[in-house]
Structures are given as C-alpha cells and as structure tokens.
Amino acid sequence: MRLIRPLAVGLGGLVLALALPAGTALASNGTFTWLGPGGKTFSLQNPPDNRCLDMSQEARGARNALKQPVAVYSGKRCTGQKTRLAPGKVAPSGARFASVVFNPR
C-alpha cells in the first residue's frame, strides 16, 4: 500500500508534464535579477506573466533583462508606489521593492 501512493503521484506528474504544451506562452522570456540581503544577486528565469509575486526578503536594484516590461511595487501584493521598467532597464541599486509583476497588463 505504501508503494502505490508514490507510484501514483509519479505517474500523475508524468501525465501532467506530457499533457502541457511544449512552449512557454504564458511566461516572459529572459531573466529578472535583483539584489537581496548582503548584496547577493538573485535571478528568476522566464517568470510567469501578469501574476503578482511577493518578495520573501529584502529586494532592491531590479534589473529587467526580459523582452517584456516589469512593474515593481513598494508594498506587498503589488500595492504602493509602482515603478515600471522597460525591457533592458535597471532600477537604481538602492531602489527597494516588495513585489513584482512581469508583463503587466
């Protein structure tokens, strides 16, 4: 009985992977990078479009290396002051943000 559950979960994941389209039509293409605590660089590859993502820790110096625009917000849940970054643009290194939307509508 203990073997059946992991096997079913594994097969279910495989079925989902095969059922999804091969492309990334609902994702921005490229890389979004920012500075976290201690100046450490973090990045996100091909993030999802039109979805608000909250930062779990300090974030500043957003760098948009995507082909689509990005909007960073001073507050969680995409509230507060909004700063829009066009493709290839960089926010000032000290500009903090708490949430982000990729390819906002």
N, C-alpha and C. Protein backbone atom coordinates (compact mmCIF):
# COMPACT_ATOMS: atom_id res chain seq x y z
N MET A 1 0.82 -1.19 0.00
CA MET A 1 0.00 0.00 0.00
C MET A 1 0.87 1.26 0.00
N ARG A 2 2.00 1.22 0.72
CA ARG A 2 2.88 2.38 0.78
C ARG A 2 3.56 2.64 -0.56
N LEU A 3 3.75 1.66 -1.35
CA LEU A 3 4.39 1.81 -2.65
C LEU A 3 3.42 2.37 -3.69
N ILE A 4 2.15 2.12 -3.55
CA ILE A 4 1.16 2.54 -4.53
C ILE A 4 1.03 4.05 -4.58
N ARG A 5 0.98 4.72 -3.44
CA ARG A 5 0.80 6.18 -3.42
C ARG A 5 1.94 6.91 -4.14
N PRO A 6 3.23 6.66 -3.83
CA PRO A 6 4.30 7.35 -4.55
C PRO A 6 4.29 7.04 -6.05
N LEU A 7 3.96 5.81 -6.39
CA LEU A 7 3.89 5.43 -7.79
C LEU A 7 2.78 6.20 -8.50
N ALA A 8 1.62 6.33 -7.85
CA ALA A 8 0.50 7.07 -8.45
C ALA A 8 0.85 8.54 -8.60
N VAL A 9 1.52 9.12 -7.61
CA VAL A 9 1.92 10.53 -7.68
C VAL A 9 2.91 10.74 -8.83
N GLY A 10 3.87 9.84 -8.95
CA GLY A 10 4.86 9.93 -10.02
C GLY A 10 4.23 9.82 -11.39
N LEU A 11 3.33 8.88 -11.57
CA LEU A 11 2.65 8.72 -12.85
C LEU A 11 1.75 9.91 -13.16
N GLY A 12 1.09 10.45 -12.11
CA GLY A 12 0.25 11.62 -12.31
C GLY A 12 1.06 12.82 -12.77
N GLY A 13 2.25 13.00 -12.19
CA GLY A 13 3.14 14.08 -12.61
C GLY A 13 3.60 13.92 -14.03
N LEU A 14 3.91 12.70 -14.42
CA LEU A 14 4.33 12.42 -15.79
C LEU A 14 3.21 12.71 -16.78
N VAL A 15 1.99 12.33 -16.43
CA VAL A 15 0.84 12.59 -17.30
C VAL A 15 0.65 14.10 -17.46
N LEU A 16 0.76 14.86 -16.37
CA LEU A 16 0.62 16.32 -16.46
C LEU A 16 1.72 16.92 -17.32
N ALA A 17 2.94 16.46 -17.15
CA ALA A 17 4.05 17.00 -17.93
C ALA A 17 3.85 16.75 -19.42
N LEU A 18 3.34 15.59 -19.77
CA LEU A 18 3.11 15.28 -21.18
C LEU A 18 1.89 16.00 -21.74
N ALA A 19 0.93 16.33 -20.89
CA ALA A 19 -0.29 16.98 -21.34
C ALA A 19 -0.11 18.48 -21.55
N LEU A 20 0.87 19.09 -20.89
CA LEU A 20 1.08 20.53 -21.04
C LEU A 20 1.74 20.85 -22.36
N PRO A 21 1.43 22.01 -22.95
CA PRO A 21 2.07 22.38 -24.21
C PRO A 21 3.57 22.57 -24.02
N ALA A 22 4.32 22.35 -25.08
CA ALA A 22 5.77 22.41 -25.01
C ALA A 22 6.30 23.83 -24.85
N GLY A 23 5.58 24.84 -25.32
CA GLY A 23 6.05 26.22 -25.27
C GLY A 23 5.81 26.88 -23.93
N THR A 24 6.31 28.10 -23.79
CA THR A 24 6.10 28.88 -22.59
C THR A 24 5.30 30.13 -22.95
N ALA A 25 4.13 29.94 -23.49
CA ALA A 25 3.31 31.04 -23.98
C ALA A 25 2.88 31.99 -22.87
N LEU A 26 2.80 31.51 -21.64
CA LEU A 26 2.35 32.35 -20.54
C LEU A 26 3.49 32.78 -19.64
N ALA A 27 4.69 32.87 -20.19
CA ALA A 27 5.84 33.28 -19.40
C ALA A 27 6.62 34.34 -20.17
N SER A 28 7.19 35.28 -19.42
CA SER A 28 8.07 36.27 -20.01
C SER A 28 9.39 35.60 -20.34
N ASN A 29 9.99 35.96 -21.45
CA ASN A 29 11.25 35.36 -21.87
C ASN A 29 12.43 36.19 -21.40
N GLY A 30 13.37 35.54 -20.73
CA GLY A 30 14.56 36.22 -20.27
C GLY A 30 14.78 36.05 -18.79
N THR A 31 15.56 36.97 -18.20
CA THR A 31 15.94 36.87 -16.80
C THR A 31 15.67 38.18 -16.08
N PHE A 32 15.12 38.08 -14.88
CA PHE A 32 14.91 39.21 -13.99
C PHE A 32 15.85 39.01 -12.81
N THR A 33 16.69 40.01 -12.52
CA THR A 33 17.62 39.89 -11.41
C THR A 33 17.43 41.05 -10.43
N TRP A 34 17.84 40.81 -9.19
CA TRP A 34 17.76 41.83 -8.14
C TRP A 34 18.79 41.52 -7.07
N LEU A 35 19.01 42.50 -6.21
CA LEU A 35 19.93 42.33 -5.08
C LEU A 35 19.13 42.03 -3.83
N GLY A 36 19.59 41.04 -3.09
CA GLY A 36 18.94 40.66 -1.84
C GLY A 36 19.80 41.05 -0.66
N PRO A 37 19.56 40.43 0.50
CA PRO A 37 20.33 40.74 1.70
C PRO A 37 21.83 40.57 1.47
N GLY A 38 22.60 41.51 2.00
CA GLY A 38 24.05 41.43 1.87
C GLY A 38 24.55 41.69 0.46
N GLY A 39 23.70 42.21 -0.42
CA GLY A 39 24.11 42.49 -1.79
C GLY A 39 24.19 41.27 -2.67
N LYS A 40 23.67 40.14 -2.21
CA LYS A 40 23.69 38.91 -3.00
C LYS A 40 22.73 39.03 -4.19
N THR A 41 23.16 38.60 -5.35
CA THR A 41 22.35 38.67 -6.56
C THR A 41 21.45 37.45 -6.67
N PHE A 42 20.16 37.69 -6.97
CA PHE A 42 19.18 36.64 -7.20
C PHE A 42 18.61 36.82 -8.60
N SER A 43 18.13 35.74 -9.20
CA SER A 43 17.54 35.85 -10.53
C SER A 43 16.38 34.88 -10.70
N LEU A 44 15.55 35.20 -11.66
CA LEU A 44 14.39 34.38 -11.99
C LEU A 44 14.32 34.27 -13.51
N GLN A 45 14.35 33.04 -14.03
CA GLN A 45 14.30 32.79 -15.46
C GLN A 45 12.86 32.61 -15.93
N ASN A 46 12.50 33.24 -17.02
CA ASN A 46 11.20 33.09 -17.67
C ASN A 46 10.04 33.11 -16.67
N PRO A 47 9.87 34.21 -15.94
CA PRO A 47 8.80 34.28 -14.93
C PRO A 47 7.41 34.32 -15.55
N PRO A 48 6.38 33.98 -14.79
CA PRO A 48 5.01 33.97 -15.32
C PRO A 48 4.49 35.39 -15.58
N ASP A 49 3.71 35.56 -16.63
CA ASP A 49 3.11 36.85 -16.98
C ASP A 49 1.94 37.19 -16.08
N ASN A 50 1.74 38.48 -15.87
CA ASN A 50 0.54 39.03 -15.21
C ASN A 50 0.22 38.41 -13.86
N ARG A 51 1.22 38.07 -13.10
CA ARG A 51 0.99 37.47 -11.79
C ARG A 51 1.84 38.22 -10.77
N CYS A 52 1.22 38.67 -9.69
CA CYS A 52 1.93 39.40 -8.65
C CYS A 52 2.73 38.42 -7.79
N LEU A 53 4.02 38.67 -7.66
CA LEU A 53 4.88 37.83 -6.83
C LEU A 53 5.46 38.69 -5.71
N ASP A 54 5.27 38.28 -4.46
CA ASP A 54 5.83 38.97 -3.32
C ASP A 54 7.25 38.48 -3.07
N MET A 55 8.12 39.40 -2.69
CA MET A 55 9.49 39.05 -2.35
C MET A 55 9.49 38.58 -0.90
N SER A 56 10.18 37.52 -0.59
CA SER A 56 10.18 36.96 0.76
C SER A 56 11.21 37.64 1.67
N GLN A 57 12.11 38.41 1.08
CA GLN A 57 13.12 39.12 1.86
C GLN A 57 13.44 40.44 1.17
N GLU A 58 14.38 41.17 1.72
CA GLU A 58 14.78 42.46 1.15
C GLU A 58 15.10 42.31 -0.34
N ALA A 59 14.60 43.23 -1.15
CA ALA A 59 14.89 43.22 -2.58
C ALA A 59 15.10 44.65 -3.06
N ARG A 60 16.13 44.84 -3.86
CA ARG A 60 16.41 46.17 -4.41
C ARG A 60 17.20 46.02 -5.70
N GLY A 61 17.33 47.13 -6.44
CA GLY A 61 18.13 47.13 -7.66
C GLY A 61 17.62 46.19 -8.73
N ALA A 62 16.33 46.25 -9.04
CA ALA A 62 15.75 45.37 -10.07
C ALA A 62 16.41 45.61 -11.43
N ARG A 63 16.66 44.52 -12.13
CA ARG A 63 17.27 44.58 -13.47
C ARG A 63 16.40 43.75 -14.41
N ASN A 64 15.80 44.41 -15.40
CA ASN A 64 14.90 43.74 -16.33
C ASN A 64 15.63 43.32 -17.60
N ALA A 65 16.01 42.06 -17.69
CA ALA A 65 16.63 41.51 -18.89
C ALA A 65 15.63 40.65 -19.65
N LEU A 66 14.35 40.99 -19.51
CA LEU A 66 13.27 40.29 -20.21
C LEU A 66 12.94 41.02 -21.49
N LYS A 67 12.14 40.41 -22.33
CA LYS A 67 11.68 41.05 -23.56
C LYS A 67 10.38 41.83 -23.33
N GLN A 68 9.85 41.76 -22.11
CA GLN A 68 8.60 42.43 -21.74
C GLN A 68 8.86 43.39 -20.58
N PRO A 69 7.96 44.36 -20.38
CA PRO A 69 8.12 45.27 -19.25
C PRO A 69 7.86 44.58 -17.91
N VAL A 70 8.32 45.21 -16.85
CA VAL A 70 8.15 44.73 -15.49
C VAL A 70 7.66 45.90 -14.64
N ALA A 71 6.81 45.63 -13.66
CA ALA A 71 6.39 46.64 -12.70
C ALA A 71 6.77 46.16 -11.31
N VAL A 72 7.56 46.97 -10.59
CA VAL A 72 7.91 46.64 -9.20
C VAL A 72 7.13 47.59 -8.29
N TYR A 73 6.74 47.08 -7.13
CA TYR A 73 5.90 47.83 -6.19
C TYR A 73 6.59 47.93 -4.84
N SER A 74 6.34 49.04 -4.16
CA SER A 74 6.95 49.25 -2.85
C SER A 74 6.30 48.40 -1.76
N GLY A 75 5.05 47.97 -1.97
CA GLY A 75 4.34 47.16 -0.98
C GLY A 75 4.09 45.74 -1.44
N LYS A 76 3.76 44.89 -0.48
CA LYS A 76 3.40 43.51 -0.79
C LYS A 76 2.10 43.48 -1.58
N ARG A 77 1.84 42.38 -2.27
CA ARG A 77 0.62 42.17 -3.06
C ARG A 77 0.41 43.25 -4.11
N CYS A 78 1.53 43.75 -4.64
CA CYS A 78 1.53 44.75 -5.72
C CYS A 78 0.73 46.00 -5.36
N THR A 79 1.03 46.52 -4.18
CA THR A 79 0.43 47.77 -3.71
C THR A 79 1.55 48.79 -3.50
N GLY A 80 1.16 50.02 -3.30
CA GLY A 80 2.14 51.06 -3.04
C GLY A 80 2.64 51.68 -4.33
N GLN A 81 3.79 52.33 -4.23
CA GLN A 81 4.36 53.02 -5.38
C GLN A 81 4.81 52.02 -6.44
N LYS A 82 4.39 52.28 -7.67
CA LYS A 82 4.71 51.40 -8.80
C LYS A 82 5.83 52.04 -9.63
N THR A 83 6.82 51.24 -9.96
CA THR A 83 7.89 51.66 -10.86
C THR A 83 7.92 50.70 -12.03
N ARG A 84 7.77 51.23 -13.23
CA ARG A 84 7.74 50.40 -14.44
C ARG A 84 9.12 50.40 -15.07
N LEU A 85 9.61 49.20 -15.39
CA LEU A 85 10.91 49.04 -16.04
C LEU A 85 10.71 48.45 -17.43
N ALA A 86 11.11 49.18 -18.44
CA ALA A 86 11.04 48.70 -19.81
C ALA A 86 12.08 47.59 -20.01
N PRO A 87 11.96 46.80 -21.06
CA PRO A 87 12.96 45.77 -21.32
C PRO A 87 14.37 46.36 -21.38
N GLY A 88 15.30 45.71 -20.70
CA GLY A 88 16.69 46.15 -20.68
C GLY A 88 17.00 47.26 -19.68
N LYS A 89 16.02 47.73 -18.94
CA LYS A 89 16.24 48.83 -17.99
C LYS A 89 16.59 48.31 -16.60
N VAL A 90 17.25 49.18 -15.83
CA VAL A 90 17.70 48.84 -14.48
C VAL A 90 17.21 49.93 -13.51
N ALA A 91 16.68 49.51 -12.39
CA ALA A 91 16.30 50.46 -11.34
C ALA A 91 17.55 50.87 -10.58
N PRO A 92 17.54 52.03 -9.94
CA PRO A 92 18.71 52.40 -9.12
C PRO A 92 19.02 51.31 -8.08
N SER A 93 20.28 51.10 -7.78
CA SER A 93 20.68 50.00 -6.90
C SER A 93 20.06 50.08 -5.51
N GLY A 94 19.73 51.27 -5.04
CA GLY A 94 19.13 51.41 -3.72
C GLY A 94 17.60 51.39 -3.72
N ALA A 95 16.99 51.29 -4.91
CA ALA A 95 15.53 51.31 -5.00
C ALA A 95 14.96 49.98 -4.53
N ARG A 96 14.32 49.99 -3.36
CA ARG A 96 13.75 48.76 -2.78
C ARG A 96 12.37 48.49 -3.36
N PHE A 97 12.01 47.21 -3.40
CA PHE A 97 10.67 46.81 -3.82
C PHE A 97 10.24 45.57 -3.05
N ALA A 98 8.92 45.39 -2.92
CA ALA A 98 8.39 44.27 -2.14
C ALA A 98 7.62 43.26 -2.97
N SER A 99 7.23 43.66 -4.20
CA SER A 99 6.51 42.73 -5.08
C SER A 99 6.74 43.15 -6.53
N VAL A 100 6.42 42.24 -7.44
CA VAL A 100 6.71 42.47 -8.86
C VAL A 100 5.67 41.78 -9.73
N VAL A 101 5.39 42.39 -10.89
CA VAL A 101 4.53 41.78 -11.92
C VAL A 101 5.30 41.82 -13.23
N PHE A 102 5.35 40.70 -13.91
CA PHE A 102 6.04 40.60 -15.19
C PHE A 102 5.03 40.75 -16.32
N ASN A 103 5.37 41.57 -17.30
CA ASN A 103 4.50 41.84 -18.44
C ASN A 103 3.10 42.24 -17.98
N PRO A 104 3.02 43.32 -17.13
CA PRO A 104 1.71 43.72 -16.59
C PRO A 104 0.78 44.21 -17.69
N ARG A 105 -0.51 44.04 -17.46
CA ARG A 105 -1.50 44.49 -18.44
C ARG A 105 -1.75 45.95 -18.29
